[in-house]
Amino acid sequence: MSENVGGGGSIVQKARMANSAAVKLANATTDEKNRALHRIADLVDTNRERILAANDKDVEVASGLTKAGKMSTSLLKRLKLDGAKIDEIIKSVRDVAKLDDPVGKTMSAIELDTGLELFQVSCPIGVIGAIFESRPDVLVQISSLCLKTGNAVMLKGGSEAQNSNEVLFEVVSEAASATEGIPDGWIQLLETREEVNEMLKLNEYIDLLVPRGSEQFVKYIQDNSSIMVLGHSEGVCHVYVDRDADLSMAEDVCYDAKVQYPAVCNAAETLLVDSPIAATFLPPMIDRYQQAGVEVRGCSKTLELLASGEHNDKQRHKIKQAKQASEEDWHTEYNDLIISIKVVDGVDEAIEHINRYGSGHTDAIVTANEETALKFMRFVDSSSVMHNASTRFSDGFRYGKGAEVGISTNKVHARGPVGLEGLVIYKYLIVGKGHVVAPYTGSHAKAFTHKPLSKQFSI
C-alpha cells in the first residue's frame, strides 16, 4: 500500500492529501470508478477470514467491556461481523457500482442570449469527513459512495472497532489504488480520538462532516465545528395504529419495527394506539412484545387497561405489568428492547405527539383508511413516513441507493437516507463567444433571452 493512501502523517497532512486527491477523483470516469468498486468487492470477498479475525479481536475486547457495564449491548451488536454481513458489504458495493453516476449531469440549461449559454451541472462536494461508532461495515459503505461520487473521504471509526476498521480500510484503499484513474490519497484513516477534535477544525480542507452515532456524539460534532454537518441527532421513531387498521397487520408491523433489530436508529421507540381499538389490540401486542423480552412502559390508560385483568384469560401468557412511562420516555431513543406505549384519541393527537416528541427521523401509520393515511403522511414532519410498513425500511440500501452515508434529519441539502444524491452539489458553467457584460447594462441595455434549453453541457 502506498504511503499516500492514508498511512502515516499528521491529520493536517492527511487532509491536504485528501484535498489534493479530491480534484483528480472528481474527474475520474464512470468506468474507472465502477472498476474500482468491483475491485473493492472482490478484495473484501477474498479477505473474509482476515476481516473476521480482526473483528473477533474487537468483539472479544468489547464483550468484556459490555460485561463490565462500560459498553452498551447495542454497540456490541453493531460491532459484530459474520459471513452474512460480509455478503451484505460485498452486495452493497456492487449495487453502488450499478447505480447511475450522479456526477456531470446537466440539471438545467438556459440561453442567456444568442451564443451565451448557462448550464447547472452536478459535481462532487470535495472532501467528506466521516465519523462513526462501532459498525465497521459503515466504513465500506461510506467509502464506496464517496468513490462513486468522486469525493475524497477521511474516516474515523470508533476505537472499539479499530482492528476491523484498519483491515477494511487497507482492503478498500489497496483495491482502489490498483485501478487506473483513481488517485492515491483519496481515502484517509484517522487513528486516535484526539484526531477527531483536530478534524473538526479543518474547514480549509474538509467540506462536509457526516457523523454516525449516538445523539450526544452527533450533537458534540455539530457544536464543535464550523464545517457543515449532515446527520441526525437521534432516532425517536413511532408507529401509530389507527382505529381502521387491520390489527393482524398492525401487530406484525409493530413487532418488526421494535424487535427485528432494536439497536438501530430506525427501530420504533414509541407505539401510539387509537383509543377505540386499544382494549382489543394492546393485550395481544404487549403479550407478543414481552415474549420477545421487550420491556413495556405505558401511559396511564395503557396501565389501566392492563390492570383490569380482563385480557389475561385470552392470552397464551400472563401479561406482566408495564412500567409507568415518564415524560422523558417520549423523548428517548432506547436502541434496546424497550418500548413506550401511549393511547391517543385519533390521528390528530398522534400527529401532534410525533411532531412534539419525535426526532424527524421515521414514523409510520397502520390503517386501511386512505384519507387518514394521507393526512398522517402530509402532516408528520419527518424525513421518512410509512403507511402500512415498518419503520425499519428507512435505510439507504432498502431505498435502492446501494448504501447510505447516514440518515439526515436536516432540511437543507439532503434529507432521509443519504446516498449518491446527497454527496453531489452543482456548479454553474457559462459558455459564450467573447460576450461581455457592458451591452447588458445602462439605459439602453440589451435584454437577456433566458430561454430554456434541452441540451446537455459539453465542450
Protein backbone atom coordinates (compact mmCIF):
# COMPACT_ATOMS: atom_id res chain seq x y z
CA MET A 1 0.00 0.00 0.00
CA SER A 2 1.34 3.42 -0.92
CA GLU A 3 2.13 5.76 1.95
CA ASN A 4 -0.04 8.37 0.27
CA VAL A 5 -3.06 6.10 0.56
CA GLY A 6 -3.57 7.10 4.16
CA GLY A 7 -0.90 5.54 6.34
CA GLY A 8 1.31 7.79 8.46
CA GLY A 9 1.45 11.55 8.78
CA SER A 10 -0.33 14.16 10.79
CA ILE A 11 -4.01 14.80 10.35
CA VAL A 12 -3.25 18.05 8.53
CA GLN A 13 -1.03 16.17 6.08
CA LYS A 14 -3.77 13.59 5.56
CA ALA A 15 -6.33 16.34 4.99
CA ARG A 16 -4.06 18.05 2.46
CA MET A 17 -3.57 14.79 0.58
CA ALA A 18 -7.31 14.14 0.54
CA ASN A 19 -8.00 17.68 -0.63
CA SER A 20 -5.46 17.36 -3.43
CA ALA A 21 -6.76 13.95 -4.48
CA ALA A 22 -10.36 15.20 -4.50
CA VAL A 23 -9.76 17.38 -7.56
CA LYS A 24 -8.39 14.39 -9.50
CA LEU A 25 -11.04 11.96 -8.28
CA ALA A 26 -13.77 14.43 -9.27
CA ASN A 27 -12.65 13.93 -12.88
CA ALA A 28 -12.39 10.14 -12.84
CA THR A 29 -14.62 8.49 -15.41
CA THR A 30 -17.65 6.41 -14.52
CA ASP A 31 -15.91 3.30 -15.87
CA GLU A 32 -12.82 3.93 -13.73
CA LYS A 33 -14.91 4.39 -10.59
CA ASN A 34 -17.02 1.32 -11.25
CA ARG A 35 -13.97 -0.86 -11.90
CA ALA A 36 -12.52 0.32 -8.58
CA LEU A 37 -15.75 -0.56 -6.81
CA HIS A 38 -15.81 -4.08 -8.25
CA ARG A 39 -12.17 -4.50 -7.21
CA ILE A 40 -13.14 -3.50 -3.66
CA ALA A 41 -15.97 -6.05 -3.62
CA ASP A 42 -13.63 -8.75 -4.93
CA LEU A 43 -10.95 -7.97 -2.38
CA VAL A 44 -13.44 -7.95 0.51
CA ASP A 45 -14.56 -11.38 -0.65
CA THR A 46 -11.04 -12.82 -0.79
CA ASN A 47 -10.12 -11.31 2.58
CA ARG A 48 -13.09 -12.70 4.53
CA GLU A 49 -11.01 -14.67 7.03
CA ARG A 50 -8.68 -11.73 7.65
CA ILE A 51 -11.61 -9.33 8.19
CA LEU A 52 -13.46 -11.71 10.53
CA ALA A 53 -10.29 -12.46 12.51
CA ALA A 54 -9.75 -8.75 13.08
CA ASN A 55 -13.38 -8.35 14.05
CA ASP A 56 -13.12 -11.24 16.52
CA LYS A 57 -10.37 -9.32 18.34
CA ASP A 58 -12.60 -6.25 18.59
CA VAL A 59 -15.61 -8.27 19.73
CA GLU A 60 -13.57 -10.05 22.42
CA VAL A 61 -12.49 -6.76 23.97
CA ALA A 62 -15.95 -5.21 23.55
CA SER A 63 -17.65 -8.21 25.19
CA GLY A 64 -15.51 -7.69 28.28
CA LEU A 65 -16.43 -4.00 28.34
CA THR A 66 -20.11 -4.88 27.99
CA LYS A 67 -19.94 -7.33 30.88
CA ALA A 68 -18.23 -4.65 32.96
CA GLY A 69 -21.01 -2.20 32.12
CA LYS A 70 -18.65 0.07 30.13
CA MET A 71 -20.25 -0.55 26.74
CA SER A 72 -23.89 -0.99 25.76
CA THR A 73 -25.18 -4.23 24.29
CA SER A 74 -26.48 -2.26 21.29
CA LEU A 75 -22.94 -1.11 20.43
CA LEU A 76 -21.69 -4.67 20.78
CA LYS A 77 -24.38 -5.93 18.38
CA ARG A 78 -23.45 -3.27 15.83
CA LEU A 79 -19.79 -4.22 16.08
CA LYS A 80 -20.14 -7.90 15.19
CA LEU A 81 -19.43 -9.08 11.66
CA ASP A 82 -20.21 -12.54 10.27
CA GLY A 83 -20.38 -14.22 6.89
CA ALA A 84 -23.82 -12.83 6.15
CA LYS A 85 -22.70 -9.27 6.90
CA ILE A 86 -19.66 -9.71 4.68
CA ASP A 87 -22.06 -10.80 1.93
CA GLU A 88 -24.09 -7.64 2.54
CA ILE A 89 -20.98 -5.47 2.34
CA ILE A 90 -20.00 -7.03 -0.99
CA LYS A 91 -23.50 -6.68 -2.39
CA SER A 92 -23.80 -3.05 -1.29
CA VAL A 93 -20.53 -2.14 -3.06
CA ARG A 94 -21.61 -3.91 -6.27
CA ASP A 95 -25.03 -2.21 -6.05
CA VAL A 96 -23.32 1.19 -5.84
CA ALA A 97 -21.36 0.31 -8.99
CA LYS A 98 -24.64 -0.46 -10.79
CA LEU A 99 -26.17 2.93 -9.98
CA ASP A 100 -26.06 5.82 -12.42
CA ASP A 101 -23.12 8.15 -11.94
CA PRO A 102 -24.59 11.36 -10.44
CA VAL A 103 -21.56 13.46 -11.43
CA GLY A 104 -21.59 15.59 -14.57
CA LYS A 105 -25.36 15.59 -15.02
CA THR A 106 -26.88 18.72 -16.61
CA MET A 107 -29.55 19.81 -14.15
CA SER A 108 -30.69 22.82 -16.17
CA ALA A 109 -29.64 24.73 -19.28
CA ILE A 110 -30.62 28.27 -20.22
CA GLU A 111 -29.77 30.52 -23.13
CA LEU A 112 -28.90 33.94 -21.72
CA ASP A 113 -28.53 35.35 -25.22
CA THR A 114 -27.61 34.07 -28.65
CA GLY A 115 -24.38 32.11 -28.24
CA LEU A 116 -24.29 32.66 -24.46
CA GLU A 117 -25.43 29.58 -22.56
CA LEU A 118 -25.65 28.76 -18.85
CA PHE A 119 -25.51 25.18 -17.53
CA GLN A 120 -26.11 23.90 -13.99
CA VAL A 121 -24.03 20.71 -13.74
CA SER A 122 -23.70 18.28 -10.81
CA CYS A 123 -20.26 17.83 -9.26
CA PRO A 124 -18.70 16.26 -6.13
CA ILE A 125 -18.74 18.13 -2.82
CA GLY A 126 -14.99 17.64 -2.29
CA VAL A 127 -13.70 16.08 0.93
CA ILE A 128 -16.09 14.24 3.25
CA GLY A 129 -15.17 13.74 6.90
CA ALA A 130 -16.95 10.62 8.16
CA ILE A 131 -17.00 9.90 11.90
CA PHE A 132 -18.81 6.80 13.06
CA GLU A 133 -19.14 4.49 16.04
CA SER A 134 -18.99 0.72 16.29
CA ARG A 135 -20.26 -0.62 12.93
CA PRO A 136 -17.21 -1.42 10.76
CA ASP A 137 -19.37 -2.10 7.68
CA VAL A 138 -20.11 1.64 7.65
CA LEU A 139 -16.51 2.24 6.57
CA VAL A 140 -17.05 0.34 3.34
CA GLN A 141 -20.49 1.85 2.71
CA ILE A 142 -19.27 5.42 3.04
CA SER A 143 -16.07 4.76 1.08
CA SER A 144 -17.95 3.23 -1.85
CA LEU A 145 -20.46 6.07 -2.01
CA CYS A 146 -17.70 8.67 -1.85
CA LEU A 147 -15.73 6.90 -4.56
CA LYS A 148 -18.75 6.72 -6.90
CA THR A 149 -19.49 10.42 -6.37
CA GLY A 150 -15.85 11.48 -6.81
CA ASN A 151 -15.39 12.66 -3.24
CA ALA A 152 -12.26 12.13 -1.16
CA VAL A 153 -13.02 10.83 2.33
CA MET A 154 -11.42 10.99 5.77
CA LEU A 155 -12.65 8.18 8.01
CA LYS A 156 -12.65 7.93 11.80
CA GLY A 157 -14.24 4.87 13.33
CA GLY A 158 -14.71 4.09 16.99
CA SER A 159 -11.82 2.63 18.96
CA GLU A 160 -13.98 -0.42 19.74
CA ALA A 161 -13.71 -1.39 16.02
CA GLN A 162 -10.08 -0.40 15.48
CA ASN A 163 -8.84 -3.77 14.18
CA SER A 164 -11.83 -4.24 11.89
CA ASN A 165 -11.59 -0.70 10.53
CA GLU A 166 -7.86 -0.97 9.83
CA VAL A 167 -8.24 -4.14 7.79
CA LEU A 168 -11.27 -2.88 5.86
CA PHE A 169 -9.51 0.42 5.17
CA GLU A 170 -6.47 -1.41 3.81
CA VAL A 171 -8.67 -3.57 1.59
CA VAL A 172 -10.60 -0.60 0.18
CA SER A 173 -7.55 1.60 -0.38
CA GLU A 174 -5.49 -1.22 -1.92
CA ALA A 175 -8.24 -2.19 -4.34
CA ALA A 176 -9.00 1.38 -5.42
CA SER A 177 -5.36 2.42 -5.79
CA ALA A 178 -4.76 -0.53 -8.13
CA THR A 179 -7.31 0.96 -10.54
CA GLU A 180 -6.17 3.36 -13.24
CA GLY A 181 -7.70 6.83 -12.84
CA ILE A 182 -8.16 6.62 -9.06
CA PRO A 183 -5.61 8.86 -7.29
CA ASP A 184 -3.67 7.89 -4.18
CA GLY A 185 -4.69 9.77 -1.07
CA TRP A 186 -8.43 9.95 -1.81
CA ILE A 187 -9.13 7.84 1.29
CA GLN A 188 -7.59 8.52 4.69
CA LEU A 189 -7.96 6.75 8.03
CA LEU A 190 -7.72 8.63 11.33
CA GLU A 191 -6.48 6.52 14.21
CA THR A 192 -6.80 8.39 17.50
CA ARG A 193 -9.58 10.06 19.44
CA GLU A 194 -7.54 13.29 19.52
CA GLU A 195 -7.62 13.43 15.74
CA VAL A 196 -11.40 13.86 15.81
CA ASN A 197 -11.12 17.23 17.54
CA GLU A 198 -8.37 18.24 15.11
CA MET A 199 -10.56 17.14 12.21
CA LEU A 200 -13.38 19.42 13.33
CA LYS A 201 -11.10 22.44 12.84
CA LEU A 202 -10.06 21.63 9.26
CA ASN A 203 -12.65 23.67 7.39
CA GLU A 204 -9.92 24.68 4.95
CA TYR A 205 -9.73 21.10 3.66
CA ILE A 206 -12.98 19.33 4.65
CA ASP A 207 -16.28 20.32 3.03
CA LEU A 208 -18.83 18.15 4.86
CA LEU A 209 -18.90 16.13 8.09
CA VAL A 210 -21.04 13.02 8.38
CA PRO A 211 -21.24 11.75 11.98
CA ARG A 212 -22.99 8.47 12.73
CA GLY A 213 -23.59 7.52 16.34
CA SER A 214 -25.47 8.46 19.48
CA GLU A 215 -27.42 11.67 19.99
CA GLN A 216 -24.70 13.02 22.30
CA PHE A 217 -21.99 12.13 19.78
CA VAL A 218 -23.68 13.86 16.83
CA LYS A 219 -24.54 16.91 18.90
CA TYR A 220 -20.92 17.20 20.01
CA ILE A 221 -19.80 17.25 16.37
CA GLN A 222 -22.42 19.86 15.48
CA ASP A 223 -21.47 22.09 18.42
CA ASN A 224 -17.72 21.95 17.86
CA SER A 225 -17.18 22.54 14.15
CA SER A 226 -17.84 25.28 11.62
CA ILE A 227 -17.91 22.64 8.88
CA MET A 228 -21.38 21.75 7.60
CA VAL A 229 -22.71 18.64 9.38
CA LEU A 230 -25.05 16.13 7.77
CA GLY A 231 -26.64 13.86 10.34
CA HIS A 232 -29.44 13.18 12.75
CA SER A 233 -29.29 13.77 16.46
CA GLU A 234 -31.35 10.70 17.37
CA GLY A 235 -33.95 8.26 16.08
CA VAL A 236 -37.13 8.59 18.14
CA CYS A 237 -39.41 6.70 15.72
CA HIS A 238 -43.13 5.97 16.13
CA VAL A 239 -45.76 3.57 14.86
CA TYR A 240 -49.37 4.76 15.10
CA VAL A 241 -52.11 2.10 14.91
CA ASP A 242 -55.31 3.73 13.73
CA ARG A 243 -58.88 2.69 14.53
CA ASP A 244 -59.29 1.49 10.93
CA ALA A 245 -56.18 -0.71 10.95
CA ASP A 246 -56.05 -4.38 10.09
CA LEU A 247 -54.99 -5.48 13.58
CA SER A 248 -53.13 -8.57 12.44
CA MET A 249 -51.12 -6.45 10.03
CA ALA A 250 -50.59 -3.83 12.72
CA GLU A 251 -49.25 -6.42 15.14
CA ASP A 252 -46.71 -7.66 12.60
CA VAL A 253 -45.58 -4.14 11.67
CA CYS A 254 -45.24 -3.04 15.30
CA TYR A 255 -43.32 -6.18 16.22
CA ASP A 256 -40.90 -5.86 13.31
CA ALA A 257 -40.34 -2.14 13.93
CA LYS A 258 -39.24 -2.80 17.51
CA VAL A 259 -37.88 -6.36 17.70
CA GLN A 260 -36.29 -7.18 14.32
CA TYR A 261 -33.19 -5.11 15.18
CA PRO A 262 -33.70 -2.79 18.15
CA ALA A 263 -30.16 -1.37 18.26
CA VAL A 264 -30.55 0.92 15.22
CA CYS A 265 -31.87 4.42 14.65
CA ASN A 266 -34.88 3.35 12.54
CA ALA A 267 -36.31 0.99 15.19
CA ALA A 268 -39.58 2.13 16.74
CA GLU A 269 -39.32 3.56 20.26
CA THR A 270 -42.95 4.59 20.81
CA LEU A 271 -46.20 2.86 19.89
CA LEU A 272 -49.29 5.06 19.61
CA VAL A 273 -52.67 3.30 19.62
CA ASP A 274 -56.04 4.81 18.76
CA SER A 275 -58.36 4.64 21.81
CA PRO A 276 -61.31 2.78 20.15
CA ILE A 277 -59.12 -0.27 19.44
CA ALA A 278 -56.75 -0.10 22.41
CA ALA A 279 -58.54 -2.73 24.51
CA THR A 280 -58.58 -5.17 21.59
CA PHE A 281 -55.15 -4.52 20.14
CA LEU A 282 -52.86 -3.84 23.08
CA PRO A 283 -53.16 -7.06 25.13
CA PRO A 284 -52.00 -9.42 22.35
CA MET A 285 -49.46 -6.87 21.15
CA ILE A 286 -47.95 -6.43 24.61
CA ASP A 287 -48.02 -10.19 25.16
CA ARG A 288 -46.04 -10.69 21.96
CA TYR A 289 -43.59 -7.95 22.90
CA GLN A 290 -43.00 -9.40 26.35
CA GLN A 291 -42.46 -12.88 24.96
CA ALA A 292 -39.64 -11.34 22.92
CA GLY A 293 -38.14 -9.76 26.03
CA VAL A 294 -39.36 -6.23 25.36
CA GLU A 295 -39.81 -4.01 28.42
CA VAL A 296 -43.08 -2.07 28.13
CA ARG A 297 -43.55 1.42 29.52
CA GLY A 298 -47.13 2.61 29.21
CA CYS A 299 -49.21 5.72 29.69
CA SER A 300 -51.88 5.77 32.40
CA LYS A 301 -54.57 4.49 30.01
CA THR A 302 -52.34 1.59 28.98
CA LEU A 303 -51.69 0.69 32.61
CA GLU A 304 -55.40 0.91 33.49
CA LEU A 305 -56.20 -1.45 30.62
CA LEU A 306 -53.62 -3.97 31.81
CA ALA A 307 -54.69 -3.63 35.44
CA SER A 308 -58.26 -4.61 34.59
CA GLY A 309 -57.14 -8.21 34.16
CA GLU A 310 -59.89 -8.98 31.65
CA HIS A 311 -57.36 -9.79 28.96
CA ASN A 312 -55.29 -12.40 30.79
CA ASP A 313 -57.50 -15.41 30.12
CA LYS A 314 -57.44 -14.55 26.43
CA GLN A 315 -53.63 -14.59 26.19
CA ARG A 316 -51.32 -17.58 25.94
CA HIS A 317 -49.09 -15.97 28.55
CA LYS A 318 -49.98 -13.87 31.53
CA ILE A 319 -49.05 -10.29 30.66
CA LYS A 320 -46.58 -8.69 33.02
CA GLN A 321 -47.49 -5.32 34.41
CA ALA A 322 -45.94 -2.49 32.38
CA LYS A 323 -43.97 0.33 33.93
CA GLN A 324 -45.34 3.86 34.02
CA ALA A 325 -43.96 5.90 31.12
CA SER A 326 -42.41 9.21 32.12
CA GLU A 327 -42.19 12.44 30.15
CA GLU A 328 -38.60 11.54 29.41
CA ASP A 329 -39.65 8.25 27.79
CA TRP A 330 -41.48 10.05 24.98
CA HIS A 331 -38.18 11.76 24.08
CA THR A 332 -35.97 8.69 24.42
CA GLU A 333 -34.16 6.66 21.78
CA TYR A 334 -33.71 3.34 23.59
CA ASN A 335 -31.76 1.35 20.97
CA ASP A 336 -32.84 -1.63 23.05
CA LEU A 337 -35.76 -3.96 23.72
CA ILE A 338 -37.83 -1.23 25.38
CA ILE A 339 -40.93 0.46 24.02
CA SER A 340 -43.17 3.22 25.34
CA ILE A 341 -46.89 2.97 24.60
CA LYS A 342 -49.47 5.75 24.56
CA VAL A 343 -53.20 5.58 23.86
CA VAL A 344 -54.30 8.58 21.77
CA ASP A 345 -57.65 9.92 20.58
CA GLY A 346 -57.32 9.73 16.83
CA VAL A 347 -54.84 10.64 14.14
CA ASP A 348 -54.68 14.34 15.06
CA GLU A 349 -53.37 13.58 18.56
CA ALA A 350 -50.94 11.04 17.09
CA ILE A 351 -49.56 13.63 14.67
CA GLU A 352 -49.29 16.20 17.45
CA HIS A 353 -47.42 13.75 19.69
CA ILE A 354 -44.99 12.74 16.92
CA ASN A 355 -44.21 16.30 15.87
CA ARG A 356 -43.67 17.28 19.52
CA TYR A 357 -41.58 14.34 20.74
CA GLY A 358 -40.20 12.77 17.56
CA SER A 359 -36.80 13.46 16.07
CA GLY A 360 -37.93 13.90 12.47
CA HIS A 361 -36.42 10.53 11.52
CA THR A 362 -39.04 7.90 10.59
CA ASP A 363 -42.67 7.40 11.61
CA ALA A 364 -45.40 5.03 10.44
CA ILE A 365 -49.17 4.66 10.41
CA VAL A 366 -51.10 1.41 10.09
CA THR A 367 -54.60 1.96 8.73
CA ALA A 368 -56.95 0.86 5.96
CA ASN A 369 -58.35 4.38 5.75
CA GLU A 370 -56.60 6.10 2.82
CA GLU A 371 -57.79 9.57 3.86
CA THR A 372 -56.38 9.14 7.36
CA ALA A 373 -53.14 7.76 5.96
CA LEU A 374 -52.77 10.72 3.60
CA LYS A 375 -53.33 13.17 6.44
CA PHE A 376 -50.72 11.43 8.57
CA MET A 377 -48.18 11.35 5.75
CA ARG A 378 -48.72 15.02 4.90
CA PHE A 379 -48.66 16.41 8.44
CA VAL A 380 -45.99 14.30 10.14
CA ASP A 381 -42.80 16.33 9.74
CA SER A 382 -40.25 13.53 9.39
CA SER A 383 -37.68 12.60 6.75
CA SER A 384 -39.44 9.26 6.10
CA VAL A 385 -43.12 8.49 6.71
CA MET A 386 -44.55 4.99 6.20
CA HIS A 387 -48.08 3.69 5.56
CA ASN A 388 -48.65 0.05 6.49
CA ALA A 389 -44.91 -0.63 6.62
CA SER A 390 -42.26 -0.99 9.31
CA THR A 391 -40.01 1.94 10.20
CA ARG A 392 -37.09 -0.45 9.59
CA PHE A 393 -37.43 0.18 5.85
CA SER A 394 -35.83 3.60 6.36
CA ASP A 395 -32.42 2.64 5.02
CA GLY A 396 -30.30 3.61 2.04
CA PHE A 397 -29.78 0.03 0.86
CA ARG A 398 -33.50 -0.75 1.12
CA TYR A 399 -34.31 2.51 -0.69
CA GLY A 400 -32.26 1.29 -3.64
CA LYS A 401 -29.35 3.67 -3.02
CA GLY A 402 -26.84 0.82 -2.78
CA ALA A 403 -25.81 2.07 0.65
CA GLU A 404 -26.00 5.26 2.69
CA VAL A 405 -23.57 7.64 4.30
CA GLY A 406 -26.15 8.23 7.01
CA ILE A 407 -29.70 9.38 7.64
CA SER A 408 -30.24 13.11 7.76
CA THR A 409 -32.98 14.93 9.61
CA ASN A 410 -31.69 18.24 8.24
CA LYS A 411 -33.97 20.28 5.99
CA VAL A 412 -31.23 21.60 3.74
CA HIS A 413 -29.09 19.85 1.13
CA ALA A 414 -30.18 16.27 1.87
CA ARG A 415 -32.84 14.55 3.98
CA GLY A 416 -33.57 10.96 4.97
CA PRO A 417 -31.25 8.09 3.97
CA VAL A 418 -28.46 9.83 2.07
CA GLY A 419 -26.98 8.02 -0.89
CA LEU A 420 -25.24 9.27 -4.00
CA GLU A 421 -27.55 12.24 -4.48
CA GLY A 422 -26.56 13.66 -1.10
CA LEU A 423 -22.85 13.64 -1.96
CA VAL A 424 -23.03 15.84 -5.03
CA ILE A 425 -23.63 19.55 -5.36
CA TYR A 426 -23.54 21.61 -8.54
CA LYS A 427 -21.64 24.33 -10.32
CA TYR A 428 -22.72 26.87 -12.92
CA LEU A 429 -20.89 26.77 -16.25
CA ILE A 430 -21.21 29.54 -18.84
CA VAL A 431 -20.18 29.07 -22.45
CA GLY A 432 -20.00 32.22 -24.58
CA LYS A 433 -18.41 33.62 -27.72
CA GLY A 434 -16.49 36.57 -26.37
CA HIS A 435 -19.52 38.01 -24.57
CA VAL A 436 -19.02 40.93 -22.17
CA VAL A 437 -21.43 42.47 -19.65
CA ALA A 438 -21.30 46.09 -20.87
CA PRO A 439 -24.03 45.79 -23.57
CA TYR A 440 -26.45 44.40 -20.95
CA THR A 441 -26.18 47.43 -18.62
CA GLY A 442 -27.27 51.05 -18.71
CA SER A 443 -30.33 52.83 -20.10
CA HIS A 444 -30.17 51.02 -23.44
CA ALA A 445 -29.30 47.62 -22.02
CA LYS A 446 -29.72 44.63 -24.26
CA ALA A 447 -32.34 42.19 -22.95
CA PHE A 448 -31.46 38.62 -21.96
CA THR A 449 -33.43 35.90 -23.73
CA HIS A 450 -33.47 33.49 -20.74
CA LYS A 451 -34.72 30.71 -22.98
CA PRO A 452 -34.73 27.13 -21.59
CA LEU A 453 -32.52 24.72 -23.50
CA SER A 454 -32.89 20.95 -23.77
CA LYS A 455 -29.19 20.33 -24.48
CA GLN A 456 -26.59 18.77 -22.19
CA PHE A 457 -23.36 20.51 -21.24
CA SER A 458 -20.43 19.64 -23.45
CA ILE A 459 -17.34 21.35 -24.84
